[in-house]
Amino acid sequence: MKISASRDELLGILSLLGGVGLFSTVEIASKIIGPRVDPVVLTFLRFFITGIVLIIICIPMLRLRLTPLSWKDYGIFLLNGLIGIALGITLFHIAILTMEKATSAAVVFSVNPVFVILLSRFINRESWHLHVWVAALLGVLGVSFFAYESGAFLTVSLQGLGLMLLAAFFFALSICISRRVVGGYGAMMLAGFSALFGSLLLLPLAWYRFSCAGFGPLVGAWLPVAYVVVFGTVLAYVFYYFGILNTSAQKASLAFFLKPVLASVLAAWILNETINGYMIAGTIFILCGLVVTVFGSYLKKRS
């Protein structure tokens, strides 16, 4: 039994690392896609397909439920999809196009755990402690360096920074909502229905923008789009949730520390992005804020 448990946990850790590694490539692939595919269309494709796949995986769990899903349950999925997908991820893709570097996009979005700690006070009734404010201050300091990512305070950099922070805020709000209700559904079921409903909310706007541009841009960028949809979203979510089921949420949080680091390395390797001193300093502050967020919460629970 111990050997089997250890093997399952090892597979879980490897799955977490695989999921985070795939998540880390989304900003890179999105930069390669560029403005050829509208961000709304890309978000719809990503999460419509992901939602369907995750729901299919959850069919056995749906059959085992003692009570069928109610209109209230679907309302929760709809709200979570609106905030996390239709707003959060759409703004994320818009911000990637606005910011000069994929590295900056990945690092700034990684500040969302700080927003989670701040929002959880109101949504999840979690108390604030000193480490919360220390983490928030470190995150703000780190993000401020990315307003200078080009070596000057450019309006476009500030716009991209603001959009990415707003995306991180909505994503963090979705995480807090998920924490509150996930016990009644399971992580994969909640993510599947939220992804599907969030994408369907985008369908009218996505269809309008797609009809204006036609098939040409999508056909021209089909390879990176397919990569983002299949590997950066579907497989990434499957690996990530399989990892959570076989390890723990805390290990999942720790694994996400790798995302901005991996994204920075990949951006330098694939996109030939240069990383200046301001970006390095900002990354250090944000990662320190994330460390304080996770380990501060852990020490609080142990005390």
C-alpha atoms as a PDB file:
ATOM      1  CA  MET A   1       0.000   0.000   0.000  1.00  0.00           C
ATOM      2  CA  LYS A   2       2.806   2.435   0.876  1.00  0.00           C
ATOM      3  CA  ILE A   3       4.587   1.689  -2.393  1.00  0.00           C
ATOM      4  CA  SER A   4       1.355   2.224  -4.341  1.00  0.00           C
ATOM      5  CA  ALA A   5       0.661   5.493  -2.494  1.00  0.00           C
ATOM      6  CA  SER A   6       4.201   6.726  -3.151  1.00  0.00           C
ATOM      7  CA  ARG A   7       3.870   5.828  -6.836  1.00  0.00           C
ATOM      8  CA  ASP A   8       0.559   7.689  -7.081  1.00  0.00           C
ATOM      9  CA  GLU A   9       2.056  10.772  -5.437  1.00  0.00           C
ATOM     10  CA  LEU A  10       5.064  10.657  -7.757  1.00  0.00           C
ATOM     11  CA  LEU A  11       2.722  10.470 -10.751  1.00  0.00           C
ATOM     12  CA  GLY A  12       0.750  13.341  -9.258  1.00  0.00           C
ATOM     13  CA  ILE A  13       3.852  15.522  -8.881  1.00  0.00           C
ATOM     14  CA  LEU A  14       4.964  14.700 -12.422  1.00  0.00           C
ATOM     15  CA  SER A  15       1.471  15.567 -13.675  1.00  0.00           C
ATOM     16  CA  LEU A  16       1.544  18.883 -11.807  1.00  0.00           C
ATOM     17  CA  LEU A  17       4.905  19.742 -13.325  1.00  0.00           C
ATOM     18  CA  GLY A  18       3.644  18.732 -16.765  1.00  0.00           C
ATOM     19  CA  GLY A  19       0.519  20.866 -16.400  1.00  0.00           C
ATOM     20  CA  VAL A  20       2.428  23.912 -15.160  1.00  0.00           C
ATOM     21  CA  GLY A  21       5.015  23.433 -17.904  1.00  0.00           C
ATOM     22  CA  LEU A  22       2.273  23.466 -20.545  1.00  0.00           C
ATOM     23  CA  PHE A  23       0.581  26.482 -18.916  1.00  0.00           C
ATOM     24  CA  SER A  24       3.937  28.276 -19.131  1.00  0.00           C
ATOM     25  CA  THR A  25       3.920  28.037 -22.930  1.00  0.00           C
ATOM     26  CA  VAL A  26       0.571  29.808 -23.468  1.00  0.00           C
ATOM     27  CA  GLU A  27       2.043  33.323 -23.422  1.00  0.00           C
ATOM     28  CA  ILE A  28       4.753  32.260 -25.882  1.00  0.00           C
ATOM     29  CA  ALA A  29       2.309  30.653 -28.312  1.00  0.00           C
ATOM     30  CA  SER A  30      -0.045  33.626 -27.967  1.00  0.00           C
ATOM     31  CA  LYS A  31       2.759  35.986 -28.950  1.00  0.00           C
ATOM     32  CA  ILE A  32       3.450  33.802 -32.006  1.00  0.00           C
ATOM     33  CA  ILE A  33      -0.254  33.939 -32.926  1.00  0.00           C
ATOM     34  CA  GLY A  34      -0.236  37.701 -32.389  1.00  0.00           C
ATOM     35  CA  PRO A  35      -3.134  39.795 -33.702  1.00  0.00           C
ATOM     36  CA  ARG A  36      -3.909  37.279 -36.469  1.00  0.00           C
ATOM     37  CA  VAL A  37      -6.557  35.623 -34.279  1.00  0.00           C
ATOM     38  CA  ASP A  38      -8.853  37.792 -32.166  1.00  0.00           C
ATOM     39  CA  PRO A  39      -8.331  37.259 -28.394  1.00  0.00           C
ATOM     40  CA  VAL A  40     -12.060  36.623 -27.886  1.00  0.00           C
ATOM     41  CA  VAL A  41     -12.062  33.938 -30.600  1.00  0.00           C
ATOM     42  CA  LEU A  42      -8.941  32.326 -29.126  1.00  0.00           C
ATOM     43  CA  THR A  43     -10.424  32.281 -25.616  1.00  0.00           C
ATOM     44  CA  PHE A  44     -13.645  30.744 -26.920  1.00  0.00           C
ATOM     45  CA  LEU A  45     -11.800  27.977 -28.771  1.00  0.00           C
ATOM     46  CA  ARG A  46      -9.574  27.216 -25.780  1.00  0.00           C
ATOM     47  CA  PHE A  47     -12.298  26.788 -23.199  1.00  0.00           C
ATOM     48  CA  PHE A  48     -15.173  25.468 -25.298  1.00  0.00           C
ATOM     49  CA  ILE A  49     -13.091  22.424 -26.215  1.00  0.00           C
ATOM     50  CA  THR A  50     -11.554  22.153 -22.735  1.00  0.00           C
ATOM     51  CA  GLY A  51     -14.973  22.310 -21.097  1.00  0.00           C
ATOM     52  CA  ILE A  52     -16.328  19.506 -23.287  1.00  0.00           C
ATOM     53  CA  VAL A  53     -13.296  17.275 -22.615  1.00  0.00           C
ATOM     54  CA  LEU A  54     -13.385  17.793 -18.830  1.00  0.00           C
ATOM     55  CA  ILE A  55     -17.147  17.171 -18.670  1.00  0.00           C
ATOM     56  CA  ILE A  56     -16.741  13.924 -20.646  1.00  0.00           C
ATOM     57  CA  ILE A  57     -14.077  12.825 -18.147  1.00  0.00           C
ATOM     58  CA  CYS A  58     -16.504  13.665 -15.312  1.00  0.00           C
ATOM     59  CA  ILE A  59     -19.444  11.641 -16.689  1.00  0.00           C
ATOM     60  CA  PRO A  60     -18.817   8.735 -14.230  1.00  0.00           C
ATOM     61  CA  MET A  61     -18.834  11.225 -11.314  1.00  0.00           C
ATOM     62  CA  LEU A  62     -22.056  12.803 -12.591  1.00  0.00           C
ATOM     63  CA  ARG A  63     -23.713   9.377 -12.656  1.00  0.00           C
ATOM     64  CA  LEU A  64     -22.628   8.688  -9.075  1.00  0.00           C
ATOM     65  CA  ARG A  65     -24.102  11.915  -7.681  1.00  0.00           C
ATOM     66  CA  LEU A  66     -26.914  11.309  -5.200  1.00  0.00           C
ATOM     67  CA  THR A  67     -28.758  14.376  -6.475  1.00  0.00           C
ATOM     68  CA  PRO A  68     -28.669  15.645 -10.070  1.00  0.00           C
ATOM     69  CA  LEU A  69     -27.280  19.070 -10.829  1.00  0.00           C
ATOM     70  CA  SER A  70     -29.877  21.803 -10.216  1.00  0.00           C
ATOM     71  CA  TRP A  71     -30.469  25.207 -11.756  1.00  0.00           C
ATOM     72  CA  LYS A  72     -28.604  26.686  -8.766  1.00  0.00           C
ATOM     73  CA  ASP A  73     -25.568  24.550  -9.607  1.00  0.00           C
ATOM     74  CA  TYR A  74     -25.649  25.663 -13.232  1.00  0.00           C
ATOM     75  CA  GLY A  75     -25.957  29.270 -12.031  1.00  0.00           C
ATOM     76  CA  ILE A  76     -22.762  28.842  -9.999  1.00  0.00           C
ATOM     77  CA  PHE A  77     -20.974  27.410 -13.054  1.00  0.00           C
ATOM     78  CA  LEU A  78     -22.257  30.325 -15.140  1.00  0.00           C
ATOM     79  CA  LEU A  79     -21.061  32.944 -12.641  1.00  0.00           C
ATOM     80  CA  ASN A  80     -17.653  31.307 -12.297  1.00  0.00           C
ATOM     81  CA  GLY A  81     -17.319  31.009 -16.077  1.00  0.00           C
ATOM     82  CA  LEU A  82     -18.272  34.656 -16.554  1.00  0.00           C
ATOM     83  CA  ILE A  83     -15.683  35.912 -14.077  1.00  0.00           C
ATOM     84  CA  GLY A  84     -12.831  33.473 -14.659  1.00  0.00           C
ATOM     85  CA  ILE A  85     -13.096  32.781 -18.399  1.00  0.00           C
ATOM     86  CA  ALA A  86     -15.223  35.385 -20.185  1.00  0.00           C
ATOM     87  CA  LEU A  87     -13.615  38.262 -18.260  1.00  0.00           C
ATOM     88  CA  GLY A  88     -10.347  36.998 -16.752  1.00  0.00           C
ATOM     89  CA  ILE A  89      -8.876  34.922 -19.578  1.00  0.00           C
ATOM     90  CA  THR A  90     -10.173  37.207 -22.355  1.00  0.00           C
ATOM     91  CA  LEU A  91      -8.428  40.166 -20.706  1.00  0.00           C
ATOM     92  CA  PHE A  92      -5.360  37.959 -20.276  1.00  0.00           C
ATOM     93  CA  HIS A  93      -5.121  37.355 -24.031  1.00  0.00           C
ATOM     94  CA  ILE A  94      -5.785  41.018 -24.847  1.00  0.00           C
ATOM     95  CA  ALA A  95      -3.050  42.046 -22.402  1.00  0.00           C
ATOM     96  CA  ILE A  96      -0.542  39.630 -23.978  1.00  0.00           C
ATOM     97  CA  LEU A  97      -0.951  41.451 -27.296  1.00  0.00           C
ATOM     98  CA  THR A  98      -0.635  44.836 -25.582  1.00  0.00           C
ATOM     99  CA  MET A  99       2.467  44.084 -23.520  1.00  0.00           C
ATOM    100  CA  GLU A 100       5.762  44.068 -25.359  1.00  0.00           C
ATOM    101  CA  LYS A 101       7.172  40.851 -23.894  1.00  0.00           C
ATOM    102  CA  ALA A 102       5.638  37.437 -23.236  1.00  0.00           C
ATOM    103  CA  THR A 103       7.870  37.230 -20.148  1.00  0.00           C
ATOM    104  CA  SER A 104       6.240  40.317 -18.646  1.00  0.00           C
ATOM    105  CA  ALA A 105       2.759  38.929 -19.316  1.00  0.00           C
ATOM    106  CA  ALA A 106       3.565  35.628 -17.588  1.00  0.00           C
ATOM    107  CA  VAL A 107       5.174  37.201 -14.533  1.00  0.00           C
ATOM    108  CA  VAL A 108       2.539  39.895 -13.952  1.00  0.00           C
ATOM    109  CA  PHE A 109      -0.318  37.372 -14.275  1.00  0.00           C
ATOM    110  CA  SER A 110       1.419  35.201 -11.671  1.00  0.00           C
ATOM    111  CA  VAL A 111       0.600  37.851  -9.059  1.00  0.00           C
ATOM    112  CA  ASN A 112      -2.967  36.465  -8.896  1.00  0.00           C
ATOM    113  CA  PRO A 113      -2.292  34.413  -5.692  1.00  0.00           C
ATOM    114  CA  VAL A 114      -1.783  37.727  -3.870  1.00  0.00           C
ATOM    115  CA  PHE A 115      -5.229  38.837  -5.053  1.00  0.00           C
ATOM    116  CA  VAL A 116      -6.575  35.466  -3.877  1.00  0.00           C
ATOM    117  CA  ILE A 117      -5.305  36.089  -0.343  1.00  0.00           C
ATOM    118  CA  LEU A 118      -6.811  39.582  -0.272  1.00  0.00           C
ATOM    119  CA  LEU A 119     -10.193  38.526  -1.713  1.00  0.00           C
ATOM    120  CA  SER A 120     -10.503  35.378   0.406  1.00  0.00           C
ATOM    121  CA  ARG A 121     -11.075  37.607   3.452  1.00  0.00           C
ATOM    122  CA  PHE A 122     -14.505  38.527   2.058  1.00  0.00           C
ATOM    123  CA  ILE A 123     -15.470  35.468   0.014  1.00  0.00           C
ATOM    124  CA  ASN A 124     -14.001  32.593   2.031  1.00  0.00           C
ATOM    125  CA  ARG A 125     -14.058  34.260   5.472  1.00  0.00           C
ATOM    126  CA  GLU A 126     -10.303  33.843   5.886  1.00  0.00           C
ATOM    127  CA  SER A 127      -8.518  36.178   8.274  1.00  0.00           C
ATOM    128  CA  TRP A 128      -5.846  38.613   7.191  1.00  0.00           C
ATOM    129  CA  HIS A 129      -2.405  38.311   8.761  1.00  0.00           C
ATOM    130  CA  LEU A 130       0.847  40.186   8.491  1.00  0.00           C
ATOM    131  CA  HIS A 131       2.109  37.919   5.706  1.00  0.00           C
ATOM    132  CA  VAL A 132      -0.885  38.976   3.563  1.00  0.00           C
ATOM    133  CA  TRP A 133       0.149  42.608   3.570  1.00  0.00           C
ATOM    134  CA  VAL A 134       3.838  41.774   3.125  1.00  0.00           C
ATOM    135  CA  ALA A 135       2.972  39.636   0.092  1.00  0.00           C
ATOM    136  CA  ALA A 136       0.716  42.345  -1.345  1.00  0.00           C
ATOM    137  CA  LEU A 137       3.431  44.993  -0.944  1.00  0.00           C
ATOM    138  CA  LEU A 138       6.037  42.766  -2.600  1.00  0.00           C
ATOM    139  CA  GLY A 139       3.614  42.053  -5.453  1.00  0.00           C
ATOM    140  CA  VAL A 140       2.888  45.758  -6.014  1.00  0.00           C
ATOM    141  CA  LEU A 141       6.593  46.578  -6.000  1.00  0.00           C
ATOM    142  CA  GLY A 142       7.324  43.784  -8.436  1.00  0.00           C
ATOM    143  CA  VAL A 143       4.533  44.732 -10.831  1.00  0.00           C
ATOM    144  CA  SER A 144       5.627  48.372 -10.829  1.00  0.00           C
ATOM    145  CA  PHE A 145       8.964  47.389 -12.392  1.00  0.00           C
ATOM    146  CA  PHE A 146       7.150  45.940 -15.407  1.00  0.00           C
ATOM    147  CA  ALA A 147       5.745  49.360 -16.289  1.00  0.00           C
ATOM    148  CA  TYR A 148       9.352  50.019 -17.291  1.00  0.00           C
ATOM    149  CA  GLU A 149       9.793  46.805 -19.296  1.00  0.00           C
ATOM    150  CA  SER A 150      10.920  48.685 -22.431  1.00  0.00           C
ATOM    151  CA  GLY A 151      13.369  50.930 -20.605  1.00  0.00           C
ATOM    152  CA  ALA A 152      10.864  53.798 -20.560  1.00  0.00           C
ATOM    153  CA  PHE A 153       7.390  54.477 -19.193  1.00  0.00           C
ATOM    154  CA  LEU A 154       5.360  53.921 -22.364  1.00  0.00           C
ATOM    155  CA  THR A 155       1.578  54.331 -22.478  1.00  0.00           C
ATOM    156  CA  VAL A 156       1.179  50.958 -24.158  1.00  0.00           C
ATOM    157  CA  SER A 157       3.166  49.253 -21.378  1.00  0.00           C
ATOM    158  CA  LEU A 158       0.972  50.853 -18.732  1.00  0.00           C
ATOM    159  CA  GLN A 159      -2.179  49.798 -20.614  1.00  0.00           C
ATOM    160  CA  GLY A 160      -0.949  46.238 -20.914  1.00  0.00           C
ATOM    161  CA  LEU A 161       0.053  46.195 -17.261  1.00  0.00           C
ATOM    162  CA  GLY A 162      -3.382  47.448 -16.204  1.00  0.00           C
ATOM    163  CA  LEU A 163      -5.188  44.884 -18.366  1.00  0.00           C
ATOM    164  CA  MET A 164      -3.046  42.026 -17.051  1.00  0.00           C
ATOM    165  CA  LEU A 165      -3.603  43.072 -13.447  1.00  0.00           C
ATOM    166  CA  LEU A 166      -7.352  43.213 -14.115  1.00  0.00           C
ATOM    167  CA  ALA A 167      -7.149  39.747 -15.682  1.00  0.00           C
ATOM    168  CA  ALA A 168      -5.261  38.470 -12.608  1.00  0.00           C
ATOM    169  CA  PHE A 169      -7.905  40.034 -10.340  1.00  0.00           C
ATOM    170  CA  PHE A 170     -10.833  38.362 -12.115  1.00  0.00           C
ATOM    171  CA  PHE A 171      -8.968  35.036 -12.225  1.00  0.00           C
ATOM    172  CA  ALA A 172      -8.271  35.311  -8.482  1.00  0.00           C
ATOM    173  CA  LEU A 173     -11.941  36.123  -7.838  1.00  0.00           C
ATOM    174  CA  SER A 174     -12.880  32.977  -9.764  1.00  0.00           C
ATOM    175  CA  ILE A 175     -10.441  30.947  -7.656  1.00  0.00           C
ATOM    176  CA  CYS A 176     -12.053  32.231  -4.447  1.00  0.00           C
ATOM    177  CA  ILE A 177     -15.520  31.345  -5.741  1.00  0.00           C
ATOM    178  CA  SER A 178     -14.227  27.916  -6.726  1.00  0.00           C
ATOM    179  CA  ARG A 179     -12.771  27.370  -3.249  1.00  0.00           C
ATOM    180  CA  ARG A 180     -16.152  28.116  -1.718  1.00  0.00           C
ATOM    181  CA  VAL A 181     -18.149  25.658  -3.826  1.00  0.00           C
ATOM    182  CA  VAL A 182     -15.662  23.036  -5.060  1.00  0.00           C
ATOM    183  CA  GLY A 183     -16.541  20.587  -2.273  1.00  0.00           C
ATOM    184  CA  GLY A 184     -19.943  19.993  -3.817  1.00  0.00           C
ATOM    185  CA  TYR A 185     -18.639  19.122  -7.274  1.00  0.00           C
ATOM    186  CA  GLY A 186     -14.943  18.290  -7.377  1.00  0.00           C
ATOM    187  CA  ALA A 187     -12.290  20.396  -9.093  1.00  0.00           C
ATOM    188  CA  MET A 188     -12.524  18.824 -12.547  1.00  0.00           C
ATOM    189  CA  MET A 189     -16.333  19.002 -12.769  1.00  0.00           C
ATOM    190  CA  LEU A 190     -16.379  22.614 -11.590  1.00  0.00           C
ATOM    191  CA  ALA A 191     -13.628  23.559 -14.045  1.00  0.00           C
ATOM    192  CA  GLY A 192     -15.326  21.727 -16.926  1.00  0.00           C
ATOM    193  CA  PHE A 193     -18.733  23.334 -16.575  1.00  0.00           C
ATOM    194  CA  SER A 194     -17.245  26.754 -15.776  1.00  0.00           C
ATOM    195  CA  ALA A 195     -15.042  26.570 -18.887  1.00  0.00           C
ATOM    196  CA  LEU A 196     -17.946  25.506 -21.101  1.00  0.00           C
ATOM    197  CA  PHE A 197     -20.368  28.147 -19.802  1.00  0.00           C
ATOM    198  CA  GLY A 198     -17.703  30.861 -19.861  1.00  0.00           C
ATOM    199  CA  SER A 199     -16.906  30.086 -23.495  1.00  0.00           C
ATOM    200  CA  LEU A 200     -20.604  30.047 -24.453  1.00  0.00           C
ATOM    201  CA  LEU A 201     -20.979  33.528 -22.962  1.00  0.00           C
ATOM    202  CA  LEU A 202     -18.291  34.640 -25.431  1.00  0.00           C
ATOM    203  CA  LEU A 203     -19.913  32.884 -28.401  1.00  0.00           C
ATOM    204  CA  PRO A 204     -21.924  35.857 -29.805  1.00  0.00           C
ATOM    205  CA  LEU A 205     -18.944  38.240 -29.713  1.00  0.00           C
ATOM    206  CA  ALA A 206     -16.525  35.539 -30.874  1.00  0.00           C
ATOM    207  CA  TRP A 207     -18.802  34.685 -33.825  1.00  0.00           C
ATOM    208  CA  TYR A 208     -19.142  38.365 -34.771  1.00  0.00           C
ATOM    209  CA  ARG A 209     -15.385  38.962 -34.722  1.00  0.00           C
ATOM    210  CA  PHE A 210     -14.711  35.693 -36.512  1.00  0.00           C
ATOM    211  CA  SER A 211     -17.227  36.531 -39.248  1.00  0.00           C
ATOM    212  CA  CYS A 212     -15.575  39.934 -39.764  1.00  0.00           C
ATOM    213  CA  ALA A 213     -12.092  38.424 -40.151  1.00  0.00           C
ATOM    214  CA  GLY A 214     -13.087  35.215 -41.925  1.00  0.00           C
ATOM    215  CA  PHE A 215     -11.191  31.920 -41.968  1.00  0.00           C
ATOM    216  CA  GLY A 216      -7.994  33.392 -43.420  1.00  0.00           C
ATOM    217  CA  PRO A 217      -6.262  34.525 -40.188  1.00  0.00           C
ATOM    218  CA  LEU A 218      -7.268  31.376 -38.319  1.00  0.00           C
ATOM    219  CA  VAL A 219      -6.018  29.138 -41.138  1.00  0.00           C
ATOM    220  CA  GLY A 220      -2.739  31.069 -41.265  1.00  0.00           C
ATOM    221  CA  ALA A 221      -2.175  30.570 -37.525  1.00  0.00           C
ATOM    222  CA  TRP A 222      -3.730  27.107 -37.190  1.00  0.00           C
ATOM    223  CA  LEU A 223      -0.622  25.409 -35.799  1.00  0.00           C
ATOM    224  CA  PRO A 224       0.024  27.686 -32.764  1.00  0.00           C
ATOM    225  CA  VAL A 225      -3.757  27.958 -32.190  1.00  0.00           C
ATOM    226  CA  ALA A 226      -4.070  24.164 -32.158  1.00  0.00           C
ATOM    227  CA  TYR A 227      -1.121  24.002 -29.765  1.00  0.00           C
ATOM    228  CA  VAL A 228      -2.710  26.502 -27.343  1.00  0.00           C
ATOM    229  CA  VAL A 229      -6.066  24.697 -27.439  1.00  0.00           C
ATOM    230  CA  VAL A 230      -4.861  21.076 -27.244  1.00  0.00           C
ATOM    231  CA  PHE A 231      -1.618  21.280 -25.260  1.00  0.00           C
ATOM    232  CA  GLY A 232      -1.734  24.648 -23.482  1.00  0.00           C
ATOM    233  CA  THR A 233      -5.314  24.195 -22.282  1.00  0.00           C
ATOM    234  CA  VAL A 234      -6.908  20.734 -22.589  1.00  0.00           C
ATOM    235  CA  LEU A 235      -3.889  18.598 -21.660  1.00  0.00           C
ATOM    236  CA  ALA A 236      -2.596  21.219 -19.221  1.00  0.00           C
ATOM    237  CA  TYR A 237      -5.865  21.190 -17.237  1.00  0.00           C
ATOM    238  CA  VAL A 238      -6.112  17.386 -17.316  1.00  0.00           C
ATOM    239  CA  PHE A 239      -2.527  16.997 -16.052  1.00  0.00           C
ATOM    240  CA  TYR A 240      -2.962  19.740 -13.450  1.00  0.00           C
ATOM    241  CA  TYR A 241      -6.168  18.356 -11.945  1.00  0.00           C
ATOM    242  CA  PHE A 242      -4.860  14.789 -12.028  1.00  0.00           C
ATOM    243  CA  GLY A 243      -1.873  16.108 -10.075  1.00  0.00           C
ATOM    244  CA  ILE A 244      -4.091  17.825  -7.499  1.00  0.00           C
ATOM    245  CA  LEU A 245      -6.130  14.636  -7.027  1.00  0.00           C
ATOM    246  CA  ASN A 246      -2.951  12.648  -6.310  1.00  0.00           C
ATOM    247  CA  THR A 247      -0.984  15.211  -4.270  1.00  0.00           C
ATOM    248  CA  SER A 248      -2.391  18.324  -2.600  1.00  0.00           C
ATOM    249  CA  ALA A 249      -3.525  21.866  -3.300  1.00  0.00           C
ATOM    250  CA  GLN A 250      -0.443  23.196  -1.489  1.00  0.00           C
ATOM    251  CA  LYS A 251       1.904  21.307  -3.821  1.00  0.00           C
ATOM    252  CA  ALA A 252      -0.133  22.681  -6.719  1.00  0.00           C
ATOM    253  CA  SER A 253       0.464  26.225  -5.464  1.00  0.00           C
ATOM    254  CA  LEU A 254       4.177  25.565  -5.053  1.00  0.00           C
ATOM    255  CA  ALA A 255       4.375  24.104  -8.564  1.00  0.00           C
ATOM    256  CA  PHE A 256       2.952  27.337  -9.985  1.00  0.00           C
ATOM    257  CA  PHE A 257       6.098  29.146  -8.835  1.00  0.00           C
ATOM    258  CA  LEU A 258       7.733  27.541 -11.863  1.00  0.00           C
ATOM    259  CA  LYS A 259       5.360  29.151 -14.364  1.00  0.00           C
ATOM    260  CA  PRO A 260       6.924  32.643 -14.632  1.00  0.00           C
ATOM    261  CA  VAL A 261      10.421  31.144 -14.503  1.00  0.00           C
ATOM    262  CA  LEU A 262       9.704  28.661 -17.297  1.00  0.00           C
ATOM    263  CA  ALA A 263       7.885  31.284 -19.360  1.00  0.00           C
ATOM    264  CA  SER A 264      10.862  33.639 -19.079  1.00  0.00           C
ATOM    265  CA  VAL A 265      13.317  30.953 -20.197  1.00  0.00           C
ATOM    266  CA  LEU A 266      11.073  29.893 -23.102  1.00  0.00           C
ATOM    267  CA  ALA A 267      10.528  33.495 -24.207  1.00  0.00           C
ATOM    268  CA  ALA A 268      14.272  34.107 -24.300  1.00  0.00           C
ATOM    269  CA  TRP A 269      14.854  30.850 -26.188  1.00  0.00           C
ATOM    270  CA  ILE A 270      11.957  30.820 -28.659  1.00  0.00           C
ATOM    271  CA  LEU A 271      11.139  34.520 -29.109  1.00  0.00           C
ATOM    272  CA  ASN A 272      14.680  35.856 -28.502  1.00  0.00           C
ATOM    273  CA  GLU A 273      13.317  38.215 -25.866  1.00  0.00           C
ATOM    274  CA  THR A 274      15.855  40.156 -23.837  1.00  0.00           C
ATOM    275  CA  ILE A 275      15.358  40.317 -20.082  1.00  0.00           C
ATOM    276  CA  ASN A 276      16.523  43.596 -18.573  1.00  0.00           C
ATOM    277  CA  GLY A 277      17.329  44.497 -14.986  1.00  0.00           C
ATOM    278  CA  TYR A 278      13.891  45.998 -14.320  1.00  0.00           C
ATOM    279  CA  MET A 279      12.193  42.750 -15.352  1.00  0.00           C
ATOM    280  CA  ILE A 280      14.565  40.674 -13.217  1.00  0.00           C
ATOM    281  CA  ALA A 281      13.925  42.900 -10.193  1.00  0.00           C
ATOM    282  CA  GLY A 282      10.170  42.766 -10.763  1.00  0.00           C
ATOM    283  CA  THR A 283      10.254  38.988 -11.083  1.00  0.00           C
ATOM    284  CA  ILE A 284      12.222  38.649  -7.838  1.00  0.00           C
ATOM    285  CA  PHE A 285       9.735  40.810  -5.912  1.00  0.00           C
ATOM    286  CA  ILE A 286       6.712  38.933  -7.299  1.00  0.00           C
ATOM    287  CA  LEU A 287       8.223  35.509  -6.596  1.00  0.00           C
ATOM    288  CA  CYS A 288       9.087  36.635  -3.069  1.00  0.00           C
ATOM    289  CA  GLY A 289       5.470  37.750  -2.661  1.00  0.00           C
ATOM    290  CA  LEU A 290       4.249  34.353  -3.825  1.00  0.00           C
ATOM    291  CA  VAL A 291       6.612  32.572  -1.419  1.00  0.00           C
ATOM    292  CA  VAL A 292       5.311  34.709   1.455  1.00  0.00           C
ATOM    293  CA  THR A 293       1.725  33.993   0.351  1.00  0.00           C
ATOM    294  CA  VAL A 294       2.050  30.210   0.380  1.00  0.00           C
ATOM    295  CA  PHE A 295       4.455  29.701   3.282  1.00  0.00           C
ATOM    296  CA  GLY A 296       2.751  32.353   5.406  1.00  0.00           C
ATOM    297  CA  SER A 297      -0.566  30.523   4.990  1.00  0.00           C
ATOM    298  CA  TYR A 298       1.148  27.204   5.748  1.00  0.00           C
ATOM    299  CA  LEU A 299       2.780  28.492   8.939  1.00  0.00           C
ATOM    300  CA  LYS A 300      -0.516  30.065  10.012  1.00  0.00           C
ATOM    301  CA  LYS A 301      -2.249  26.672   9.728  1.00  0.00           C
ATOM    302  CA  ARG A 302       0.550  24.926  11.659  1.00  0.00           C
ATOM    303  CA  SER A 303       0.415  27.412  14.538  1.00  0.00           C
END
